[in-house]
Amino acid sequence: MTMEIGYTKRLVDRIKEQDTSLPWVQLGLICAEREIPVSHVAEFFGVTRQTVYHWFLNETRPQERYLTKIKEAIEKLRKKSYK
């Protein structure tokens, strides 16, 4: 059993400092706002948690194969509640 830890204020602030026009940064903001665990995001995309953090903080750009899925996830999350 893994213990889920929420987003720290520092992490949320760092995400907000990034270019919020980028879909992967937008995803980070939505996930932080809705408290969607990074581990769930990583599992959904089939990547590591570290990769998700890098996306959210715009430290790496997601590979092209993930971009459509990121955009689709954003649209779905904007339309409905996670919890």
PDB file of N, CA and C in Angstrom:
ATOM      1  N   MET A   1       0.847  -1.178   0.000  1.00  0.00           N
ATOM      2  CA  MET A   1       0.000   0.000   0.000  1.00  0.00           C
ATOM      3  C   MET A   1       0.891   1.238   0.000  1.00  0.00           C
ATOM      4  N   THR A   2       0.607   2.150  -0.922  1.00  0.00           N
ATOM      5  CA  THR A   2       1.383   3.389  -0.973  1.00  0.00           C
ATOM      6  C   THR A   2       0.620   4.501  -0.295  1.00  0.00           C
ATOM      7  N   MET A   3       1.370   5.361   0.354  1.00  0.00           N
ATOM      8  CA  MET A   3       0.776   6.516   0.994  1.00  0.00           C
ATOM      9  C   MET A   3       0.802   7.670   0.002  1.00  0.00           C
ATOM     10  N   GLU A   4      -0.351   8.252  -0.242  1.00  0.00           N
ATOM     11  CA  GLU A   4      -0.434   9.379  -1.165  1.00  0.00           C
ATOM     12  C   GLU A   4      -0.167  10.671  -0.398  1.00  0.00           C
ATOM     13  N   ILE A   5       0.709  11.480  -0.929  1.00  0.00           N
ATOM     14  CA  ILE A   5       1.018  12.767  -0.324  1.00  0.00           C
ATOM     15  C   ILE A   5       0.553  13.839  -1.292  1.00  0.00           C
ATOM     16  N   GLY A   6      -0.145  14.824  -0.790  1.00  0.00           N
ATOM     17  CA  GLY A   6      -0.671  15.884  -1.640  1.00  0.00           C
ATOM     18  C   GLY A   6       0.417  16.793  -2.176  1.00  0.00           C
ATOM     19  N   TYR A   7       0.005  17.732  -2.978  1.00  0.00           N
ATOM     20  CA  TYR A   7       0.919  18.702  -3.578  1.00  0.00           C
ATOM     21  C   TYR A   7       1.309  19.746  -2.536  1.00  0.00           C
ATOM     22  N   THR A   8       2.591  20.005  -2.422  1.00  0.00           N
ATOM     23  CA  THR A   8       3.042  21.023  -1.486  1.00  0.00           C
ATOM     24  C   THR A   8       2.818  22.402  -2.097  1.00  0.00           C
ATOM     25  N   LYS A   9       2.735  23.396  -1.245  1.00  0.00           N
ATOM     26  CA  LYS A   9       2.569  24.777  -1.718  1.00  0.00           C
ATOM     27  C   LYS A   9       3.752  25.147  -2.607  1.00  0.00           C
ATOM     28  N   ARG A  10       4.931  24.720  -2.227  1.00  0.00           N
ATOM     29  CA  ARG A  10       6.130  25.028  -3.007  1.00  0.00           C
ATOM     30  C   ARG A  10       6.034  24.452  -4.423  1.00  0.00           C
ATOM     31  N   LEU A  11       5.570  23.218  -4.531  1.00  0.00           N
ATOM     32  CA  LEU A  11       5.433  22.599  -5.844  1.00  0.00           C
ATOM     33  C   LEU A  11       4.383  23.334  -6.678  1.00  0.00           C
ATOM     34  N   VAL A  12       3.249  23.629  -6.083  1.00  0.00           N
ATOM     35  CA  VAL A  12       2.186  24.347  -6.804  1.00  0.00           C
ATOM     36  C   VAL A  12       2.690  25.709  -7.265  1.00  0.00           C
ATOM     37  N   ASP A  13       3.407  26.408  -6.402  1.00  0.00           N
ATOM     38  CA  ASP A  13       3.963  27.711  -6.776  1.00  0.00           C
ATOM     39  C   ASP A  13       4.939  27.574  -7.941  1.00  0.00           C
ATOM     40  N   ARG A  14       5.751  26.528  -7.916  1.00  0.00           N
ATOM     41  CA  ARG A  14       6.712  26.313  -9.007  1.00  0.00           C
ATOM     42  C   ARG A  14       6.001  25.993 -10.316  1.00  0.00           C
ATOM     43  N   ILE A  15       4.912  25.226 -10.245  1.00  0.00           N
ATOM     44  CA  ILE A  15       4.145  24.929 -11.460  1.00  0.00           C
ATOM     45  C   ILE A  15       3.557  26.223 -12.019  1.00  0.00           C
ATOM     46  N   LYS A  16       3.018  27.072 -11.135  1.00  0.00           N
ATOM     47  CA  LYS A  16       2.402  28.331 -11.559  1.00  0.00           C
ATOM     48  C   LYS A  16       3.408  29.286 -12.199  1.00  0.00           C
ATOM     49  N   GLU A  17       4.682  29.137 -11.892  1.00  0.00           N
ATOM     50  CA  GLU A  17       5.727  29.989 -12.460  1.00  0.00           C
ATOM     51  C   GLU A  17       6.069  29.617 -13.903  1.00  0.00           C
ATOM     52  N   GLN A  18       5.602  28.456 -14.345  1.00  0.00           N
ATOM     53  CA  GLN A  18       5.932  27.962 -15.683  1.00  0.00           C
ATOM     54  C   GLN A  18       5.009  28.586 -16.730  1.00  0.00           C
ATOM     55  N   ASP A  19       5.285  28.306 -17.970  1.00  0.00           N
ATOM     56  CA  ASP A  19       4.469  28.794 -19.090  1.00  0.00           C
ATOM     57  C   ASP A  19       3.159  28.006 -19.097  1.00  0.00           C
ATOM     58  N   THR A  20       2.105  28.630 -18.602  1.00  0.00           N
ATOM     59  CA  THR A  20       0.829  27.926 -18.445  1.00  0.00           C
ATOM     60  C   THR A  20       0.075  27.743 -19.762  1.00  0.00           C
ATOM     61  N   SER A  21       0.657  28.185 -20.866  1.00  0.00           N
ATOM     62  CA  SER A  21       0.047  27.895 -22.166  1.00  0.00           C
ATOM     63  C   SER A  21       0.415  26.485 -22.645  1.00  0.00           C
ATOM     64  N   LEU A  22       1.410  25.883 -21.997  1.00  0.00           N
ATOM     65  CA  LEU A  22       1.846  24.541 -22.376  1.00  0.00           C
ATOM     66  C   LEU A  22       0.902  23.498 -21.784  1.00  0.00           C
ATOM     67  N   PRO A  23       0.437  22.543 -22.584  1.00  0.00           N
ATOM     68  CA  PRO A  23      -0.531  21.564 -22.089  1.00  0.00           C
ATOM     69  C   PRO A  23      -0.053  20.765 -20.877  1.00  0.00           C
ATOM     70  N   TRP A  24       1.217  20.396 -20.836  1.00  0.00           N
ATOM     71  CA  TRP A  24       1.707  19.586 -19.719  1.00  0.00           C
ATOM     72  C   TRP A  24       1.773  20.402 -18.432  1.00  0.00           C
ATOM     73  N   VAL A  25       1.976  21.689 -18.539  1.00  0.00           N
ATOM     74  CA  VAL A  25       1.938  22.555 -17.359  1.00  0.00           C
ATOM     75  C   VAL A  25       0.474  22.755 -16.930  1.00  0.00           C
ATOM     76  N   GLN A  26      -0.410  22.934 -17.901  1.00  0.00           N
ATOM     77  CA  GLN A  26      -1.841  23.033 -17.597  1.00  0.00           C
ATOM     78  C   GLN A  26      -2.316  21.784 -16.861  1.00  0.00           C
ATOM     79  N   LEU A  27      -1.870  20.634 -17.326  1.00  0.00           N
ATOM     80  CA  LEU A  27      -2.235  19.383 -16.663  1.00  0.00           C
ATOM     81  C   LEU A  27      -1.760  19.399 -15.212  1.00  0.00           C
ATOM     82  N   GLY A  28      -0.564  19.892 -14.984  1.00  0.00           N
ATOM     83  CA  GLY A  28      -0.038  19.985 -13.625  1.00  0.00           C
ATOM     84  C   GLY A  28      -0.893  20.872 -12.740  1.00  0.00           C
ATOM     85  N   LEU A  29      -1.322  21.988 -13.269  1.00  0.00           N
ATOM     86  CA  LEU A  29      -2.176  22.898 -12.494  1.00  0.00           C
ATOM     87  C   LEU A  29      -3.511  22.253 -12.148  1.00  0.00           C
ATOM     88  N   ILE A  30      -4.107  21.584 -13.129  1.00  0.00           N
ATOM     89  CA  ILE A  30      -5.394  20.927 -12.897  1.00  0.00           C
ATOM     90  C   ILE A  30      -5.242  19.807 -11.875  1.00  0.00           C
ATOM     91  N   CYS A  31      -4.202  19.015 -12.019  1.00  0.00           N
ATOM     92  CA  CYS A  31      -3.987  17.900 -11.091  1.00  0.00           C
ATOM     93  C   CYS A  31      -3.734  18.404  -9.673  1.00  0.00           C
ATOM     94  N   ALA A  32      -2.974  19.482  -9.552  1.00  0.00           N
ATOM     95  CA  ALA A  32      -2.711  20.053  -8.225  1.00  0.00           C
ATOM     96  C   ALA A  32      -4.000  20.603  -7.623  1.00  0.00           C
ATOM     97  N   GLU A  33      -4.771  21.309  -8.435  1.00  0.00           N
ATOM     98  CA  GLU A  33      -6.028  21.897  -7.970  1.00  0.00           C
ATOM     99  C   GLU A  33      -7.009  20.819  -7.502  1.00  0.00           C
ATOM    100  N   ARG A  34      -7.050  19.718  -8.223  1.00  0.00           N
ATOM    101  CA  ARG A  34      -7.991  18.641  -7.902  1.00  0.00           C
ATOM    102  C   ARG A  34      -7.373  17.549  -7.023  1.00  0.00           C
ATOM    103  N   GLU A  35      -6.109  17.766  -6.655  1.00  0.00           N
ATOM    104  CA  GLU A  35      -5.387  16.825  -5.790  1.00  0.00           C
ATOM    105  C   GLU A  35      -5.352  15.412  -6.376  1.00  0.00           C
ATOM    106  N   ILE A  36      -5.109  15.349  -7.677  1.00  0.00           N
ATOM    107  CA  ILE A  36      -4.955  14.054  -8.349  1.00  0.00           C
ATOM    108  C   ILE A  36      -3.511  13.619  -8.131  1.00  0.00           C
ATOM    109  N   PRO A  37      -3.310  12.492  -7.469  1.00  0.00           N
ATOM    110  CA  PRO A  37      -1.940  12.064  -7.148  1.00  0.00           C
ATOM    111  C   PRO A  37      -1.061  11.902  -8.394  1.00  0.00           C
ATOM    112  N   VAL A  38       0.160  12.342  -8.264  1.00  0.00           N
ATOM    113  CA  VAL A  38       1.130  12.208  -9.351  1.00  0.00           C
ATOM    114  C   VAL A  38       1.285  10.734  -9.730  1.00  0.00           C
ATOM    115  N   SER A  39       1.184   9.852  -8.758  1.00  0.00           N
ATOM    116  CA  SER A  39       1.302   8.419  -9.058  1.00  0.00           C
ATOM    117  C   SER A  39       0.182   7.959  -9.989  1.00  0.00           C
ATOM    118  N   HIS A  40      -1.016   8.533  -9.850  1.00  0.00           N
ATOM    119  CA  HIS A  40      -2.124   8.185 -10.746  1.00  0.00           C
ATOM    120  C   HIS A  40      -1.873   8.711 -12.156  1.00  0.00           C
ATOM    121  N   VAL A  41      -1.343   9.916 -12.230  1.00  0.00           N
ATOM    122  CA  VAL A  41      -1.025  10.511 -13.533  1.00  0.00           C
ATOM    123  C   VAL A  41       0.045   9.673 -14.227  1.00  0.00           C
ATOM    124  N   ALA A  42       1.070   9.300 -13.482  1.00  0.00           N
ATOM    125  CA  ALA A  42       2.164   8.492 -14.034  1.00  0.00           C
ATOM    126  C   ALA A  42       1.644   7.146 -14.542  1.00  0.00           C
ATOM    127  N   GLU A  43       0.802   6.525 -13.755  1.00  0.00           N
ATOM    128  CA  GLU A  43       0.246   5.229 -14.153  1.00  0.00           C
ATOM    129  C   GLU A  43      -0.611   5.376 -15.416  1.00  0.00           C
ATOM    130  N   PHE A  44      -1.422   6.421 -15.484  1.00  0.00           N
ATOM    131  CA  PHE A  44      -2.285   6.656 -16.635  1.00  0.00           C
ATOM    132  C   PHE A  44      -1.468   6.789 -17.919  1.00  0.00           C
ATOM    133  N   PHE A  45      -0.344   7.499 -17.839  1.00  0.00           N
ATOM    134  CA  PHE A  45       0.487   7.728 -19.023  1.00  0.00           C
ATOM    135  C   PHE A  45       1.551   6.649 -19.229  1.00  0.00           C
ATOM    136  N   GLY A  46       1.732   5.777 -18.245  1.00  0.00           N
ATOM    137  CA  GLY A  46       2.739   4.730 -18.374  1.00  0.00           C
ATOM    138  C   GLY A  46       4.156   5.257 -18.264  1.00  0.00           C
ATOM    139  N   VAL A  47       4.326   6.270 -17.401  1.00  0.00           N
ATOM    140  CA  VAL A  47       5.644   6.866 -17.179  1.00  0.00           C
ATOM    141  C   VAL A  47       5.922   6.886 -15.672  1.00  0.00           C
ATOM    142  N   THR A  48       7.101   7.324 -15.302  1.00  0.00           N
ATOM    143  CA  THR A  48       7.440   7.408 -13.882  1.00  0.00           C
ATOM    144  C   THR A  48       6.870   8.682 -13.271  1.00  0.00           C
ATOM    145  N   ARG A  49       6.777   8.687 -11.962  1.00  0.00           N
ATOM    146  CA  ARG A  49       6.353   9.905 -11.252  1.00  0.00           C
ATOM    147  C   ARG A  49       7.332  11.037 -11.534  1.00  0.00           C
ATOM    148  N   GLN A  50       8.610  10.715 -11.583  1.00  0.00           N
ATOM    149  CA  GLN A  50       9.626  11.732 -11.847  1.00  0.00           C
ATOM    150  C   GLN A  50       9.398  12.402 -13.198  1.00  0.00           C
ATOM    151  N   THR A  51       9.019  11.612 -14.191  1.00  0.00           N
ATOM    152  CA  THR A  51       8.719  12.168 -15.513  1.00  0.00           C
ATOM    153  C   THR A  51       7.563  13.154 -15.423  1.00  0.00           C
ATOM    154  N   VAL A  52       6.525  12.792 -14.675  1.00  0.00           N
ATOM    155  CA  VAL A  52       5.367  13.680 -14.520  1.00  0.00           C
ATOM    156  C   VAL A  52       5.790  14.979 -13.849  1.00  0.00           C
ATOM    157  N   TYR A  53       6.586  14.903 -12.798  1.00  0.00           N
ATOM    158  CA  TYR A  53       7.085  16.121 -12.146  1.00  0.00           C
ATOM    159  C   TYR A  53       7.855  16.993 -13.141  1.00  0.00           C
ATOM    160  N   HIS A  54       8.684  16.366 -13.952  1.00  0.00           N
ATOM    161  CA  HIS A  54       9.450  17.113 -14.957  1.00  0.00           C
ATOM    162  C   HIS A  54       8.521  17.806 -15.950  1.00  0.00           C
ATOM    163  N   TRP A  55       7.449  17.133 -16.343  1.00  0.00           N
ATOM    164  CA  TRP A  55       6.475  17.762 -17.243  1.00  0.00           C
ATOM    165  C   TRP A  55       5.829  18.964 -16.562  1.00  0.00           C
ATOM    166  N   PHE A  56       5.314  18.738 -15.355  1.00  0.00           N
ATOM    167  CA  PHE A  56       4.597  19.786 -14.638  1.00  0.00           C
ATOM    168  C   PHE A  56       5.471  21.031 -14.444  1.00  0.00           C
ATOM    169  N   LEU A  57       6.758  20.822 -14.206  1.00  0.00           N
ATOM    170  CA  LEU A  57       7.682  21.921 -13.962  1.00  0.00           C
ATOM    171  C   LEU A  57       8.381  22.388 -15.239  1.00  0.00           C
ATOM    172  N   ASN A  58       7.933  21.872 -16.364  1.00  0.00           N
ATOM    173  CA  ASN A  58       8.476  22.228 -17.670  1.00  0.00           C
ATOM    174  C   ASN A  58       9.985  22.020 -17.751  1.00  0.00           C
ATOM    175  N   GLU A  59      10.470  21.004 -17.068  1.00  0.00           N
ATOM    176  CA  GLU A  59      11.893  20.668 -17.131  1.00  0.00           C
ATOM    177  C   GLU A  59      12.189  19.785 -18.338  1.00  0.00           C
ATOM    178  N   THR A  60      11.172  19.047 -18.777  1.00  0.00           N
ATOM    179  CA  THR A  60      11.274  18.271 -20.015  1.00  0.00           C
ATOM    180  C   THR A  60       9.946  18.372 -20.746  1.00  0.00           C
ATOM    181  N   ARG A  61      10.035  18.321 -22.047  1.00  0.00           N
ATOM    182  CA  ARG A  61       8.831  18.327 -22.880  1.00  0.00           C
ATOM    183  C   ARG A  61       8.419  16.863 -23.095  1.00  0.00           C
ATOM    184  N   PRO A  62       7.130  16.570 -22.947  1.00  0.00           N
ATOM    185  CA  PRO A  62       6.693  15.198 -23.201  1.00  0.00           C
ATOM    186  C   PRO A  62       6.964  14.799 -24.654  1.00  0.00           C
ATOM    187  N   GLN A  63       7.224  13.537 -24.845  1.00  0.00           N
ATOM    188  CA  GLN A  63       7.399  13.034 -26.206  1.00  0.00           C
ATOM    189  C   GLN A  63       6.087  13.220 -26.963  1.00  0.00           C
ATOM    190  N   GLU A  64       6.191  13.357 -28.269  1.00  0.00           N
ATOM    191  CA  GLU A  64       5.021  13.608 -29.115  1.00  0.00           C
ATOM    192  C   GLU A  64       3.893  12.611 -28.868  1.00  0.00           C
ATOM    193  N   ARG A  65       4.241  11.358 -28.607  1.00  0.00           N
ATOM    194  CA  ARG A  65       3.199  10.328 -28.440  1.00  0.00           C
ATOM    195  C   ARG A  65       2.303  10.594 -27.236  1.00  0.00           C
ATOM    196  N   TYR A  66       2.736  11.438 -26.295  1.00  0.00           N
ATOM    197  CA  TYR A  66       1.928  11.739 -25.111  1.00  0.00           C
ATOM    198  C   TYR A  66       1.091  13.019 -25.269  1.00  0.00           C
ATOM    199  N   LEU A  67       1.421  13.848 -26.215  1.00  0.00           N
ATOM    200  CA  LEU A  67       0.769  15.161 -26.303  1.00  0.00           C
ATOM    201  C   LEU A  67      -0.740  15.081 -26.533  1.00  0.00           C
ATOM    202  N   THR A  68      -1.173  14.226 -27.429  1.00  0.00           N
ATOM    203  CA  THR A  68      -2.609  14.092 -27.679  1.00  0.00           C
ATOM    204  C   THR A  68      -3.313  13.578 -26.431  1.00  0.00           C
ATOM    205  N   LYS A  69      -2.712  12.607 -25.782  1.00  0.00           N
ATOM    206  CA  LYS A  69      -3.316  12.043 -24.571  1.00  0.00           C
ATOM    207  C   LYS A  69      -3.372  13.080 -23.445  1.00  0.00           C
ATOM    208  N   ILE A  70      -2.358  13.928 -23.345  1.00  0.00           N
ATOM    209  CA  ILE A  70      -2.355  15.005 -22.347  1.00  0.00           C
ATOM    210  C   ILE A  70      -3.500  15.969 -22.622  1.00  0.00           C
ATOM    211  N   LYS A  71      -3.650  16.366 -23.889  1.00  0.00           N
ATOM    212  CA  LYS A  71      -4.720  17.298 -24.251  1.00  0.00           C
ATOM    213  C   LYS A  71      -6.092  16.690 -23.998  1.00  0.00           C
ATOM    214  N   GLU A  72      -6.255  15.410 -24.302  1.00  0.00           N
ATOM    215  CA  GLU A  72      -7.528  14.729 -24.046  1.00  0.00           C
ATOM    216  C   GLU A  72      -7.815  14.655 -22.546  1.00  0.00           C
ATOM    217  N   ALA A  73      -6.790  14.375 -21.763  1.00  0.00           N
ATOM    218  CA  ALA A  73      -6.955  14.306 -20.306  1.00  0.00           C
ATOM    219  C   ALA A  73      -7.377  15.660 -19.745  1.00  0.00           C
ATOM    220  N   ILE A  74      -6.784  16.726 -20.246  1.00  0.00           N
ATOM    221  CA  ILE A  74      -7.141  18.076 -19.795  1.00  0.00           C
ATOM    222  C   ILE A  74      -8.618  18.344 -20.076  1.00  0.00           C
ATOM    223  N   GLU A  75      -9.060  18.028 -21.284  1.00  0.00           N
ATOM    224  CA  GLU A  75     -10.461  18.268 -21.650  1.00  0.00           C
ATOM    225  C   GLU A  75     -11.407  17.475 -20.750  1.00  0.00           C
ATOM    226  N   LYS A  76     -11.088  16.222 -20.504  1.00  0.00           N
ATOM    227  CA  LYS A  76     -11.942  15.393 -19.642  1.00  0.00           C
ATOM    228  C   LYS A  76     -11.968  15.931 -18.218  1.00  0.00           C
ATOM    229  N   LEU A  77     -10.813  16.323 -17.717  1.00  0.00           N
ATOM    230  CA  LEU A  77     -10.750  16.827 -16.345  1.00  0.00           C
ATOM    231  C   LEU A  77     -11.472  18.151 -16.191  1.00  0.00           C
ATOM    232  N   ARG A  78     -11.466  18.957 -17.217  1.00  0.00           N
ATOM    233  CA  ARG A  78     -12.179  20.237 -17.154  1.00  0.00           C
ATOM    234  C   ARG A  78     -13.691  20.045 -17.161  1.00  0.00           C
ATOM    235  N   LYS A  79     -14.142  18.933 -17.738  1.00  0.00           N
ATOM    236  CA  LYS A  79     -15.579  18.665 -17.858  1.00  0.00           C
ATOM    237  C   LYS A  79     -16.188  17.980 -16.653  1.00  0.00           C
ATOM    238  N   LYS A  80     -15.361  17.278 -15.859  1.00  0.00           N
ATOM    239  CA  LYS A  80     -15.945  16.530 -14.756  1.00  0.00           C
ATOM    240  C   LYS A  80     -15.067  16.579 -13.507  1.00  0.00           C
ATOM    241  N   SER A  81     -15.667  16.167 -12.436  1.00  0.00           N
ATOM    242  CA  SER A  81     -14.979  16.132 -11.142  1.00  0.00           C
ATOM    243  C   SER A  81     -14.168  14.838 -11.053  1.00  0.00           C
ATOM    244  N   TYR A  82     -12.982  14.924 -10.455  1.00  0.00           N
ATOM    245  CA  TYR A  82     -12.122  13.759 -10.293  1.00  0.00           C
ATOM    246  C   TYR A  82     -12.592  12.876  -9.147  1.00  0.00           C
ATOM    247  N   LYS A  83     -12.950  13.500  -8.029  1.00  0.00           N
ATOM    248  CA  LYS A  83     -13.237  12.736  -6.814  1.00  0.00           C
ATOM    249  C   LYS A  83     -14.607  12.152  -6.795  1.00  0.00           C
TER     250      LYS A  83
END
